[in-house]
Protein backbone atom coordinates (compact mmCIF):
# COMPACT_ATOMS: atom_id res chain seq x y z
CA MET A 1 115.94 101.22 124.46
CA THR A 2 114.09 104.11 126.10
CA GLY A 3 113.23 105.49 122.67
CA LEU A 4 111.73 102.19 121.55
CA VAL A 5 109.64 101.83 124.70
CA SER A 6 108.46 105.43 124.39
CA TYR A 7 107.60 104.93 120.72
CA GLY A 8 105.67 101.78 121.61
CA LEU A 9 103.71 103.66 124.25
CA THR A 10 103.00 106.43 121.76
CA LEU A 11 101.40 103.92 119.41
CA THR A 12 98.64 103.35 121.95
CA LEU A 13 97.02 106.54 120.59
CA VAL A 14 95.36 104.27 118.06
CA SER A 15 93.66 102.29 120.83
CA ASP A 16 90.30 103.32 122.22
CA THR A 17 91.06 101.96 125.69
CA PHE A 18 94.77 102.51 126.36
CA PHE A 19 95.26 105.90 124.66
CA TRP A 20 96.40 107.51 127.92
CA PHE A 21 99.64 105.45 127.76
CA ALA A 22 100.65 107.74 124.90
CA ILE A 23 101.30 110.66 127.25
CA PRO A 24 104.40 109.15 128.90
CA GLY A 25 105.40 107.84 125.48
CA VAL A 26 105.43 111.31 123.94
CA LEU A 27 107.28 112.75 126.93
CA GLY A 28 109.83 109.94 126.74
CA LEU A 29 110.37 110.50 123.01
CA LEU A 30 110.88 114.21 123.51
CA THR A 31 113.37 113.55 126.31
CA VAL A 32 115.33 111.10 124.18
CA VAL A 33 115.43 113.61 121.31
CA ILE A 34 116.68 116.41 123.55
CA VAL A 35 119.40 114.27 125.14
CA ALA A 36 120.53 112.75 121.82
CA THR A 37 120.64 116.09 120.00
CA GLN A 38 122.60 117.68 122.80
CA ALA A 39 125.02 114.75 122.83
CA VAL A 40 125.66 115.05 119.09
CA LEU A 41 126.24 118.80 119.13
CA THR A 42 128.38 118.91 122.27
CA ARG A 43 130.57 115.83 121.92
CA ALA A 44 134.25 116.56 122.46
CA PRO A 45 136.25 116.53 119.20
CA GLY A 46 135.99 120.00 117.71
CA SER A 47 132.81 120.99 119.53
CA GLY A 48 133.88 124.63 119.52
CA ASP A 49 134.85 124.79 115.84
CA LEU A 50 132.19 126.45 113.67
CA ARG A 51 132.76 124.12 110.70
CA VAL A 52 132.35 121.00 112.84
CA LEU A 53 129.22 122.40 114.48
CA LEU A 54 127.66 123.25 111.12
CA LYS A 55 128.36 119.75 109.80
CA ARG A 56 126.74 118.20 112.83
CA TYR A 57 123.80 120.60 112.60
CA ALA A 58 123.37 119.80 108.89
CA MET A 59 123.29 116.09 109.74
CA ILE A 60 120.58 116.67 112.34
CA VAL A 61 118.55 118.81 109.91
CA LEU A 62 118.79 116.09 107.25
CA VAL A 63 117.65 113.38 109.66
CA SER A 64 114.85 115.66 110.90
CA ALA A 65 113.65 116.28 107.36
CA VAL A 66 113.56 112.55 106.68
CA LEU A 67 111.68 111.88 109.92
CA VAL A 68 109.07 114.47 108.99
CA ALA A 69 108.75 113.63 105.28
CA VAL A 70 108.67 109.83 105.27
CA PRO A 71 105.54 109.36 107.42
CA LEU A 72 103.70 111.96 105.34
CA VAL A 73 104.71 110.38 102.03
CA VAL A 74 104.12 106.77 103.10
CA ASP A 75 100.92 107.73 104.99
CA VAL A 76 101.20 105.07 107.67
CA ARG A 77 99.56 106.28 110.87
CA TYR A 78 101.93 104.22 113.03
CA ALA A 79 104.81 106.40 111.80
CA TYR A 80 103.15 109.74 112.63
CA PRO A 81 104.93 110.12 116.01
CA LEU A 82 108.17 110.41 114.02
CA ILE A 83 106.95 113.76 112.67
CA GLY A 84 107.04 115.21 116.17
CA VAL A 85 110.44 113.66 116.80
CA GLY A 86 111.84 115.25 113.64
CA MET A 87 110.44 118.69 114.41
CA MET A 88 111.67 118.57 117.99
CA ALA A 89 115.18 117.53 116.90
CA PHE A 90 115.30 120.45 114.47
CA LEU A 91 114.19 122.96 117.12
CA VAL A 92 116.54 121.66 119.81
CA ALA A 93 119.49 121.57 117.40
CA GLY A 94 118.87 125.15 116.33
CA LYS A 95 118.65 126.35 119.92
CA LEU A 96 121.83 124.51 120.92
CA LEU A 97 123.71 125.81 117.90
CA VAL A 98 122.77 129.40 118.72
CA GLU A 99 123.73 128.95 122.37
CA GLN A 100 127.11 127.42 121.48
CA ARG A 101 127.94 130.19 119.02
CA ARG A 102 126.88 132.84 121.54
CA SER A 103 129.13 131.39 124.26
CA ALA A 104 132.15 130.97 121.94
């Protein structure tokens, strides 16, 4: 629900009057991405196993690639905030993966 509200606020970038609502929208989207990515990579079953971590990381990379590519291919300006979401998910997942492997 928070992600949808944040995405809705981000869409106010198109407006000439309410564009400043996009700032909390972007911050909310980034927060949701960080929390969700961390939840996927650190959930309990097999979270320390390298094979399980790499599968989860590959899933996040695939979703990130789709989130970046689809708005560019379709060229709908309302989907452009998804590019930032995809890039942030990729960066956060990489950082978490490195941290988990370093601590193991």
